[in-house]
Amino acid sequence: MKYLILGKNGQLGKAFLNALQNEDILGLDKEDCDISDFDRLKEIFDSYRPDIVLNCSAYNLVDKAETDFPSAYKTNAYGVKNLAYLSKQYNAYFITYSTDYVFDGTKEGLYKEEDTPNPINEYGKSKLSGEIWTLEEGLEKCLIFRTSWVYGDGTQNFVYKLLNWAKNNDILKIAIDEFSVPTPADFLVEKTLKAIDKNLSGLYHLVPNGYASRYEWAKLILKVYGIKKIIIPVSKEVFNLPARRPDFSALDSSKIQKDLNENFEEWNDLLKRFY
């Protein structure tokens, strides 16, 4: 099997490169190929002829997307549409990733795949557009995974940022009114490859079991690292961020667990094991 990995230098792309190091892989980053550039993408599909396309490329700057929304849509919507179209033309298995931010956070309980999206920020809107355009292509072999609070080998995640804050501050203020599911990149890779092996197709929520507030997550991160700091729970509103965040956007992954015939671990157990 030939694997085309877009976004090879991101935390998810790195995790796939590590897991598939003994396979036939072509890994590309934005410098190699901007996924919004259809002609360049077509050249790559023509020359490499991938069997599996793993789209780990994304515009993830949630706050910046409020003013730089053309860039967010360029990657998260138009780029994904290009990949979906070409995957269909070249009969490749297409896998891409979306976000819990497609929901507004007003539901009482975990979000399921059939719940109606209603994004409240430009980032979420751009990711939802990518989902819709992918589904409209009607690929026979396609997986769209919504996930949340991804962390791994990279700097664009909460774990990395928290540890940096802790280096320079004895008191940390963390939101207690924002809930979702912390998800390791390695977890996403493991479950994605199992889904590919089972030839699954469709829209799935892919996160560990359970959920947490940012505050609860931060407390456990510092505990795992043996760092002693004072953490003060505050409302997310005190940070006055440009992009609104849903209050509660935790995803229900029971559908993928059923189709993979396995029970996922709790988010906190995965964090302890990961670090």
C-alpha atoms as a PDB file:
ATOM      1  CA  MET A   1       0.000   0.000   0.000  1.00  0.00           C
ATOM      2  CA  LYS A   2       1.180   3.520  -0.820  1.00  0.00           C
ATOM      3  CA  TYR A   3       0.446   6.227   1.751  1.00  0.00           C
ATOM      4  CA  LEU A   4       0.316   9.929   0.897  1.00  0.00           C
ATOM      5  CA  ILE A   5       0.580  12.019   4.075  1.00  0.00           C
ATOM      6  CA  LEU A   6      -0.217  15.731   3.847  1.00  0.00           C
ATOM      7  CA  GLY A   7       1.005  17.853   6.753  1.00  0.00           C
ATOM      8  CA  LYS A   8       3.939  15.617   7.653  1.00  0.00           C
ATOM      9  CA  ASN A   9       5.504  18.100  10.096  1.00  0.00           C
ATOM     10  CA  GLY A  10       2.441  18.584  12.292  1.00  0.00           C
ATOM     11  CA  GLN A  11       1.896  16.519  15.412  1.00  0.00           C
ATOM     12  CA  LEU A  12      -0.520  14.140  13.668  1.00  0.00           C
ATOM     13  CA  GLY A  13       1.620  13.867  10.542  1.00  0.00           C
ATOM     14  CA  LYS A  14       4.692  13.043  12.634  1.00  0.00           C
ATOM     15  CA  ALA A  15       2.751  10.346  14.468  1.00  0.00           C
ATOM     16  CA  PHE A  16       1.713   8.752  11.159  1.00  0.00           C
ATOM     17  CA  LEU A  17       5.274   8.890   9.799  1.00  0.00           C
ATOM     18  CA  ASN A  18       6.479   7.092  12.912  1.00  0.00           C
ATOM     19  CA  ALA A  19       3.760   4.433  12.767  1.00  0.00           C
ATOM     20  CA  LEU A  20       4.188   3.804   9.023  1.00  0.00           C
ATOM     21  CA  GLN A  21       7.984   4.052   8.782  1.00  0.00           C
ATOM     22  CA  ASN A  22       8.252   0.574   7.250  1.00  0.00           C
ATOM     23  CA  GLU A  23       5.601   1.292   4.598  1.00  0.00           C
ATOM     24  CA  ASP A  24       5.739   3.011   1.204  1.00  0.00           C
ATOM     25  CA  ILE A  25       5.182   6.636   2.259  1.00  0.00           C
ATOM     26  CA  LEU A  26       5.253  10.009   0.568  1.00  0.00           C
ATOM     27  CA  GLY A  27       5.120  12.677   3.265  1.00  0.00           C
ATOM     28  CA  LEU A  28       4.594  16.305   2.263  1.00  0.00           C
ATOM     29  CA  ASP A  29       4.300  19.580   4.135  1.00  0.00           C
ATOM     30  CA  LYS A  30       3.004  22.964   2.997  1.00  0.00           C
ATOM     31  CA  GLU A  31       6.418  23.892   1.599  1.00  0.00           C
ATOM     32  CA  ASP A  32       6.229  20.807  -0.631  1.00  0.00           C
ATOM     33  CA  CYS A  33       2.584  21.191  -1.555  1.00  0.00           C
ATOM     34  CA  ASP A  34      -0.153  23.636  -0.607  1.00  0.00           C
ATOM     35  CA  ILE A  35      -3.300  21.494  -0.661  1.00  0.00           C
ATOM     36  CA  SER A  36      -5.282  24.448  -2.008  1.00  0.00           C
ATOM     37  CA  ASP A  37      -3.128  24.255  -5.170  1.00  0.00           C
ATOM     38  CA  PHE A  38      -5.151  21.812  -7.274  1.00  0.00           C
ATOM     39  CA  ASP A  39      -2.666  21.574 -10.143  1.00  0.00           C
ATOM     40  CA  ARG A  40       0.240  20.760  -7.824  1.00  0.00           C
ATOM     41  CA  LEU A  41      -1.854  18.156  -6.026  1.00  0.00           C
ATOM     42  CA  LYS A  42      -2.822  16.551  -9.324  1.00  0.00           C
ATOM     43  CA  GLU A  43       0.855  16.273 -10.278  1.00  0.00           C
ATOM     44  CA  ILE A  44       1.520  14.433  -7.023  1.00  0.00           C
ATOM     45  CA  PHE A  45      -1.424  12.067  -7.476  1.00  0.00           C
ATOM     46  CA  ASP A  46      -0.317  11.432 -11.068  1.00  0.00           C
ATOM     47  CA  SER A  47       3.253  10.576 -10.155  1.00  0.00           C
ATOM     48  CA  TYR A  48       2.772   8.750  -6.840  1.00  0.00           C
ATOM     49  CA  ARG A  49      -0.645   7.089  -7.341  1.00  0.00           C
ATOM     50  CA  PRO A  50      -1.458   6.699  -3.629  1.00  0.00           C
ATOM     51  CA  ASP A  51      -3.707   3.982  -2.276  1.00  0.00           C
ATOM     52  CA  ILE A  52      -4.380   5.865   0.957  1.00  0.00           C
ATOM     53  CA  VAL A  53      -4.458   9.643   1.433  1.00  0.00           C
ATOM     54  CA  LEU A  54      -4.043  10.887   5.009  1.00  0.00           C
ATOM     55  CA  ASN A  55      -4.839  14.581   5.318  1.00  0.00           C
ATOM     56  CA  CYS A  56      -3.087  15.853   8.442  1.00  0.00           C
ATOM     57  CA  SER A  57      -2.799  19.351   7.010  1.00  0.00           C
ATOM     58  CA  ALA A  58      -4.942  21.996   8.694  1.00  0.00           C
ATOM     59  CA  TYR A  59      -5.229  25.649   9.621  1.00  0.00           C
ATOM     60  CA  ASN A  60      -5.566  25.412  13.409  1.00  0.00           C
ATOM     61  CA  LEU A  61      -5.093  29.026  14.547  1.00  0.00           C
ATOM     62  CA  VAL A  62      -8.555  29.389  16.053  1.00  0.00           C
ATOM     63  CA  ASP A  63      -8.266  33.029  17.105  1.00  0.00           C
ATOM     64  CA  LYS A  64      -6.388  34.214  14.035  1.00  0.00           C
ATOM     65  CA  ALA A  65      -9.047  32.622  11.826  1.00  0.00           C
ATOM     66  CA  GLU A  66     -11.539  35.253  12.991  1.00  0.00           C
ATOM     67  CA  THR A  67      -9.721  37.878  10.908  1.00  0.00           C
ATOM     68  CA  ASP A  68      -7.723  35.653   8.559  1.00  0.00           C
ATOM     69  CA  PHE A  69     -10.667  33.466   7.580  1.00  0.00           C
ATOM     70  CA  PRO A  70      -9.646  33.303   3.888  1.00  0.00           C
ATOM     71  CA  SER A  71      -6.538  31.353   4.930  1.00  0.00           C
ATOM     72  CA  ALA A  72      -8.586  29.065   7.168  1.00  0.00           C
ATOM     73  CA  TYR A  73     -11.051  28.286   4.372  1.00  0.00           C
ATOM     74  CA  LYS A  74      -8.238  27.907   1.841  1.00  0.00           C
ATOM     75  CA  THR A  75      -6.783  24.963   3.766  1.00  0.00           C
ATOM     76  CA  ASN A  76      -9.666  23.537   5.797  1.00  0.00           C
ATOM     77  CA  ALA A  77     -12.322  23.750   3.087  1.00  0.00           C
ATOM     78  CA  TYR A  78     -10.941  24.206  -0.433  1.00  0.00           C
ATOM     79  CA  GLY A  79      -7.816  22.141   0.222  1.00  0.00           C
ATOM     80  CA  VAL A  80      -9.860  19.298   1.669  1.00  0.00           C
ATOM     81  CA  LYS A  81     -12.246  19.491  -1.293  1.00  0.00           C
ATOM     82  CA  ASN A  82      -9.291  19.159  -3.688  1.00  0.00           C
ATOM     83  CA  LEU A  83      -8.013  16.086  -1.869  1.00  0.00           C
ATOM     84  CA  ALA A  84     -11.457  14.483  -1.762  1.00  0.00           C
ATOM     85  CA  TYR A  85     -11.992  15.073  -5.489  1.00  0.00           C
ATOM     86  CA  LEU A  86      -8.597  13.690  -6.489  1.00  0.00           C
ATOM     87  CA  SER A  87      -8.917  10.727  -4.137  1.00  0.00           C
ATOM     88  CA  LYS A  88     -12.142   9.820  -5.901  1.00  0.00           C
ATOM     89  CA  GLN A  89     -10.596  10.234  -9.355  1.00  0.00           C
ATOM     90  CA  TYR A  90      -7.608   8.050  -8.448  1.00  0.00           C
ATOM     91  CA  ASN A  91      -9.639   5.539  -6.411  1.00  0.00           C
ATOM     92  CA  ALA A  92      -7.717   6.277  -3.211  1.00  0.00           C
ATOM     93  CA  TYR A  93      -8.963   5.803   0.348  1.00  0.00           C
ATOM     94  CA  PHE A  94      -9.319   9.354   1.738  1.00  0.00           C
ATOM     95  CA  ILE A  95      -8.988  10.154   5.441  1.00  0.00           C
ATOM     96  CA  THR A  96      -9.334  13.651   6.875  1.00  0.00           C
ATOM     97  CA  TYR A  97      -9.868  15.188  10.312  1.00  0.00           C
ATOM     98  CA  SER A  98     -12.361  17.704  11.624  1.00  0.00           C
ATOM     99  CA  THR A  99     -13.149  19.185  15.016  1.00  0.00           C
ATOM    100  CA  ASP A 100     -15.555  19.363  17.934  1.00  0.00           C
ATOM    101  CA  TYR A 101     -15.759  23.087  17.150  1.00  0.00           C
ATOM    102  CA  VAL A 102     -18.363  22.346  14.476  1.00  0.00           C
ATOM    103  CA  PHE A 103     -20.796  22.340  17.439  1.00  0.00           C
ATOM    104  CA  ASP A 104     -22.010  25.325  19.456  1.00  0.00           C
ATOM    105  CA  GLY A 105     -21.667  23.660  22.866  1.00  0.00           C
ATOM    106  CA  THR A 106     -25.274  24.101  24.002  1.00  0.00           C
ATOM    107  CA  LYS A 107     -26.271  20.424  24.059  1.00  0.00           C
ATOM    108  CA  GLU A 108     -26.710  18.706  27.408  1.00  0.00           C
ATOM    109  CA  GLY A 109     -24.589  15.608  26.944  1.00  0.00           C
ATOM    110  CA  LEU A 110     -22.010  14.240  24.529  1.00  0.00           C
ATOM    111  CA  TYR A 111     -22.259  15.127  20.849  1.00  0.00           C
ATOM    112  CA  LYS A 112     -23.021  12.285  18.443  1.00  0.00           C
ATOM    113  CA  GLU A 113     -22.428  12.132  14.704  1.00  0.00           C
ATOM    114  CA  GLU A 114     -26.099  12.762  13.934  1.00  0.00           C
ATOM    115  CA  ASP A 115     -26.274  15.980  15.973  1.00  0.00           C
ATOM    116  CA  THR A 116     -26.690  19.128  13.884  1.00  0.00           C
ATOM    117  CA  PRO A 117     -23.509  21.221  13.608  1.00  0.00           C
ATOM    118  CA  ASN A 118     -23.663  24.912  14.433  1.00  0.00           C
ATOM    119  CA  PRO A 119     -20.141  26.380  14.607  1.00  0.00           C
ATOM    120  CA  ILE A 120     -19.716  29.652  16.491  1.00  0.00           C
ATOM    121  CA  ASN A 121     -16.297  30.641  15.144  1.00  0.00           C
ATOM    122  CA  GLU A 122     -14.672  30.900  11.718  1.00  0.00           C
ATOM    123  CA  TYR A 123     -12.338  27.973  12.360  1.00  0.00           C
ATOM    124  CA  GLY A 124     -15.287  25.681  13.065  1.00  0.00           C
ATOM    125  CA  LYS A 125     -17.116  26.973   9.998  1.00  0.00           C
ATOM    126  CA  SER A 126     -14.113  26.284   7.770  1.00  0.00           C
ATOM    127  CA  LYS A 127     -13.764  22.730   9.088  1.00  0.00           C
ATOM    128  CA  LEU A 128     -17.479  22.067   8.623  1.00  0.00           C
ATOM    129  CA  SER A 129     -17.227  23.264   5.022  1.00  0.00           C
ATOM    130  CA  GLY A 130     -14.449  20.730   4.481  1.00  0.00           C
ATOM    131  CA  GLU A 131     -16.675  17.983   5.893  1.00  0.00           C
ATOM    132  CA  ILE A 132     -19.627  18.929   3.699  1.00  0.00           C
ATOM    133  CA  TRP A 133     -17.600  19.169   0.502  1.00  0.00           C
ATOM    134  CA  THR A 134     -15.919  15.843   1.201  1.00  0.00           C
ATOM    135  CA  LEU A 135     -19.257  14.107   1.700  1.00  0.00           C
ATOM    136  CA  GLU A 136     -20.611  15.731  -1.470  1.00  0.00           C
ATOM    137  CA  GLU A 137     -17.864  14.035  -3.499  1.00  0.00           C
ATOM    138  CA  GLY A 138     -19.514  10.701  -2.697  1.00  0.00           C
ATOM    139  CA  LEU A 139     -16.312   8.705  -2.239  1.00  0.00           C
ATOM    140  CA  GLU A 140     -16.734   4.967  -1.747  1.00  0.00           C
ATOM    141  CA  LYS A 141     -13.727   4.877   0.583  1.00  0.00           C
ATOM    142  CA  CYS A 142     -13.610   7.878   2.880  1.00  0.00           C
ATOM    143  CA  LEU A 143     -13.268   8.579   6.596  1.00  0.00           C
ATOM    144  CA  ILE A 144     -13.958  11.907   8.273  1.00  0.00           C
ATOM    145  CA  PHE A 145     -12.890  11.900  11.902  1.00  0.00           C
ATOM    146  CA  ARG A 146     -14.018  14.648  14.243  1.00  0.00           C
ATOM    147  CA  THR A 147     -11.671  14.909  17.192  1.00  0.00           C
ATOM    148  CA  SER A 148     -10.704  17.400  19.895  1.00  0.00           C
ATOM    149  CA  TRP A 149      -7.888  18.900  21.968  1.00  0.00           C
ATOM    150  CA  VAL A 150      -5.185  16.961  20.109  1.00  0.00           C
ATOM    151  CA  TYR A 151      -1.713  16.832  21.639  1.00  0.00           C
ATOM    152  CA  GLY A 152       1.540  15.193  20.580  1.00  0.00           C
ATOM    153  CA  ASP A 153       4.964  16.081  19.225  1.00  0.00           C
ATOM    154  CA  GLY A 154       4.453  19.737  18.383  1.00  0.00           C
ATOM    155  CA  THR A 155       3.983  23.260  19.698  1.00  0.00           C
ATOM    156  CA  GLN A 156       0.375  23.916  18.660  1.00  0.00           C
ATOM    157  CA  ASN A 157      -1.239  22.114  21.578  1.00  0.00           C
ATOM    158  CA  PHE A 158      -2.348  22.893  25.118  1.00  0.00           C
ATOM    159  CA  VAL A 159       0.178  20.598  26.807  1.00  0.00           C
ATOM    160  CA  TYR A 160       3.152  22.364  25.222  1.00  0.00           C
ATOM    161  CA  LYS A 161       1.719  25.804  25.956  1.00  0.00           C
ATOM    162  CA  LEU A 162       0.892  24.953  29.572  1.00  0.00           C
ATOM    163  CA  LEU A 163       4.400  23.667  30.260  1.00  0.00           C
ATOM    164  CA  ASN A 164       5.835  26.876  28.797  1.00  0.00           C
ATOM    165  CA  TRP A 165       3.541  29.011  30.949  1.00  0.00           C
ATOM    166  CA  ALA A 166       4.583  27.008  34.007  1.00  0.00           C
ATOM    167  CA  LYS A 167       8.257  27.798  33.376  1.00  0.00           C
ATOM    168  CA  ASN A 168       7.678  31.511  33.846  1.00  0.00           C
ATOM    169  CA  ASN A 169       4.674  31.715  36.174  1.00  0.00           C
ATOM    170  CA  ASP A 170       3.958  30.412  39.668  1.00  0.00           C
ATOM    171  CA  ILE A 171       0.238  31.078  39.321  1.00  0.00           C
ATOM    172  CA  LEU A 172      -1.705  29.850  36.293  1.00  0.00           C
ATOM    173  CA  LYS A 173      -5.260  30.847  35.395  1.00  0.00           C
ATOM    174  CA  ILE A 174      -7.078  28.137  33.441  1.00  0.00           C
ATOM    175  CA  ALA A 175     -10.649  28.010  32.130  1.00  0.00           C
ATOM    176  CA  ILE A 176     -13.013  25.846  34.133  1.00  0.00           C
ATOM    177  CA  ASP A 177     -16.050  26.413  31.887  1.00  0.00           C
ATOM    178  CA  GLU A 178     -14.726  24.858  28.665  1.00  0.00           C
ATOM    179  CA  PHE A 179     -15.147  21.081  28.344  1.00  0.00           C
ATOM    180  CA  SER A 180     -13.995  18.606  25.712  1.00  0.00           C
ATOM    181  CA  VAL A 181     -11.849  15.467  25.321  1.00  0.00           C
ATOM    182  CA  PRO A 182      -8.019  15.563  25.333  1.00  0.00           C
ATOM    183  CA  THR A 183      -6.808  13.274  22.541  1.00  0.00           C
ATOM    184  CA  PRO A 184      -3.241  12.033  21.888  1.00  0.00           C
ATOM    185  CA  ALA A 185      -2.067  12.078  18.265  1.00  0.00           C
ATOM    186  CA  ASP A 186      -0.805   8.494  18.663  1.00  0.00           C
ATOM    187  CA  PHE A 187      -4.320   7.431  19.675  1.00  0.00           C
ATOM    188  CA  LEU A 188      -5.729   8.960  16.479  1.00  0.00           C
ATOM    189  CA  VAL A 189      -3.143   7.153  14.360  1.00  0.00           C
ATOM    190  CA  GLU A 190      -3.739   3.784  16.007  1.00  0.00           C
ATOM    191  CA  LYS A 191      -7.522   3.937  15.620  1.00  0.00           C
ATOM    192  CA  THR A 192      -7.343   5.384  12.092  1.00  0.00           C
ATOM    193  CA  LEU A 193      -5.161   2.516  10.873  1.00  0.00           C
ATOM    194  CA  LYS A 194      -7.530  -0.008  12.464  1.00  0.00           C
ATOM    195  CA  ALA A 195     -10.473   1.676  10.725  1.00  0.00           C
ATOM    196  CA  ILE A 196      -8.618   1.481   7.407  1.00  0.00           C
ATOM    197  CA  ASP A 197      -7.903  -2.217   7.972  1.00  0.00           C
ATOM    198  CA  LYS A 198     -11.632  -2.762   8.498  1.00  0.00           C
ATOM    199  CA  ASN A 199     -12.495  -0.705   5.385  1.00  0.00           C
ATOM    200  CA  LEU A 200     -14.763   1.599   7.361  1.00  0.00           C
ATOM    201  CA  SER A 201     -16.237   4.636   5.668  1.00  0.00           C
ATOM    202  CA  GLY A 202     -18.218   7.655   6.787  1.00  0.00           C
ATOM    203  CA  LEU A 203     -18.258  10.294   9.515  1.00  0.00           C
ATOM    204  CA  TYR A 204     -17.041   9.308  12.973  1.00  0.00           C
ATOM    205  CA  HIS A 205     -16.208  10.942  16.279  1.00  0.00           C
ATOM    206  CA  LEU A 206     -12.754   9.773  17.349  1.00  0.00           C
ATOM    207  CA  VAL A 207     -11.751  10.603  20.921  1.00  0.00           C
ATOM    208  CA  PRO A 208     -10.976   8.622  24.099  1.00  0.00           C
ATOM    209  CA  ASN A 209     -13.711   8.076  26.683  1.00  0.00           C
ATOM    210  CA  GLY A 210     -14.643  10.715  29.231  1.00  0.00           C
ATOM    211  CA  TYR A 211     -14.174  14.472  29.115  1.00  0.00           C
ATOM    212  CA  ALA A 212     -12.581  17.266  31.127  1.00  0.00           C
ATOM    213  CA  SER A 213     -12.456  20.993  31.625  1.00  0.00           C
ATOM    214  CA  ARG A 214      -9.293  22.848  30.627  1.00  0.00           C
ATOM    215  CA  TYR A 215      -8.699  23.292  34.361  1.00  0.00           C
ATOM    216  CA  GLU A 216      -8.932  19.544  35.110  1.00  0.00           C
ATOM    217  CA  TRP A 217      -6.672  18.759  32.162  1.00  0.00           C
ATOM    218  CA  ALA A 218      -4.078  21.299  33.278  1.00  0.00           C
ATOM    219  CA  LYS A 219      -4.028  19.925  36.824  1.00  0.00           C
ATOM    220  CA  LEU A 220      -3.345  16.410  35.562  1.00  0.00           C
ATOM    221  CA  ILE A 221      -0.642  17.549  33.117  1.00  0.00           C
ATOM    222  CA  LEU A 222       1.301  19.277  35.884  1.00  0.00           C
ATOM    223  CA  LYS A 223       0.820  16.301  38.204  1.00  0.00           C
ATOM    224  CA  VAL A 224       2.140  13.881  35.579  1.00  0.00           C
ATOM    225  CA  TYR A 225       5.175  16.096  35.013  1.00  0.00           C
ATOM    226  CA  GLY A 226       5.737  16.591  38.719  1.00  0.00           C
ATOM    227  CA  ILE A 227       5.402  20.379  38.432  1.00  0.00           C
ATOM    228  CA  LYS A 228       4.002  22.238  41.444  1.00  0.00           C
ATOM    229  CA  LYS A 229       2.197  25.440  40.568  1.00  0.00           C
ATOM    230  CA  ILE A 230      -0.922  27.207  41.791  1.00  0.00           C
ATOM    231  CA  ILE A 231      -3.757  26.782  39.292  1.00  0.00           C
ATOM    232  CA  ILE A 232      -6.718  29.118  39.609  1.00  0.00           C
ATOM    233  CA  PRO A 233      -9.983  28.144  37.869  1.00  0.00           C
ATOM    234  CA  VAL A 234     -11.497  31.056  35.950  1.00  0.00           C
ATOM    235  CA  SER A 235     -14.128  31.656  33.293  1.00  0.00           C
ATOM    236  CA  LYS A 236     -12.810  31.527  29.745  1.00  0.00           C
ATOM    237  CA  GLU A 237     -14.371  34.955  29.244  1.00  0.00           C
ATOM    238  CA  VAL A 238     -11.598  36.610  31.303  1.00  0.00           C
ATOM    239  CA  PHE A 239      -9.123  35.896  28.495  1.00  0.00           C
ATOM    240  CA  ASN A 240     -11.190  37.950  26.018  1.00  0.00           C
ATOM    241  CA  LEU A 241     -10.104  35.794  23.081  1.00  0.00           C
ATOM    242  CA  PRO A 242     -11.150  36.820  19.546  1.00  0.00           C
ATOM    243  CA  ALA A 243     -12.857  33.493  18.797  1.00  0.00           C
ATOM    244  CA  ARG A 244     -15.763  32.171  20.834  1.00  0.00           C
ATOM    245  CA  ARG A 245     -15.335  28.637  22.143  1.00  0.00           C
ATOM    246  CA  PRO A 246     -18.193  26.218  22.838  1.00  0.00           C
ATOM    247  CA  ASP A 247     -18.816  25.645  26.548  1.00  0.00           C
ATOM    248  CA  PHE A 248     -19.234  21.884  26.196  1.00  0.00           C
ATOM    249  CA  SER A 249     -18.183  20.167  22.966  1.00  0.00           C
ATOM    250  CA  ALA A 250     -17.207  16.696  24.199  1.00  0.00           C
ATOM    251  CA  LEU A 251     -17.735  14.039  21.532  1.00  0.00           C
ATOM    252  CA  ASP A 252     -19.343  10.615  21.861  1.00  0.00           C
ATOM    253  CA  SER A 253     -17.140   7.978  20.189  1.00  0.00           C
ATOM    254  CA  SER A 254     -19.408   4.973  20.787  1.00  0.00           C
ATOM    255  CA  LYS A 255     -20.076   4.545  17.037  1.00  0.00           C
ATOM    256  CA  ILE A 256     -16.427   3.985  16.108  1.00  0.00           C
ATOM    257  CA  GLN A 257     -15.888   1.830  19.200  1.00  0.00           C
ATOM    258  CA  LYS A 258     -18.738  -0.407  18.093  1.00  0.00           C
ATOM    259  CA  ASP A 259     -17.488  -0.635  14.503  1.00  0.00           C
ATOM    260  CA  LEU A 260     -13.921  -1.381  15.639  1.00  0.00           C
ATOM    261  CA  ASN A 261     -15.264  -3.824  18.245  1.00  0.00           C
ATOM    262  CA  GLU A 262     -13.237  -2.365  21.088  1.00  0.00           C
ATOM    263  CA  ASN A 263     -13.583  -0.189  24.166  1.00  0.00           C
ATOM    264  CA  PHE A 264     -11.447   2.942  24.229  1.00  0.00           C
ATOM    265  CA  GLU A 265      -9.465   4.029  27.272  1.00  0.00           C
ATOM    266  CA  GLU A 266     -10.249   7.078  29.373  1.00  0.00           C
ATOM    267  CA  TRP A 267      -8.550  10.335  28.356  1.00  0.00           C
ATOM    268  CA  ASN A 268      -6.739  10.650  31.699  1.00  0.00           C
ATOM    269  CA  ASP A 269      -5.251   7.144  31.499  1.00  0.00           C
ATOM    270  CA  LEU A 270      -3.910   7.912  28.023  1.00  0.00           C
ATOM    271  CA  LEU A 271      -2.319  11.133  29.254  1.00  0.00           C
ATOM    272  CA  LYS A 272      -0.548   9.315  32.096  1.00  0.00           C
ATOM    273  CA  ARG A 273       0.721   6.662  29.694  1.00  0.00           C
ATOM    274  CA  PHE A 274       1.735   9.121  27.002  1.00  0.00           C
ATOM    275  CA  TYR A 275       4.010  11.100  29.281  1.00  0.00           C
END
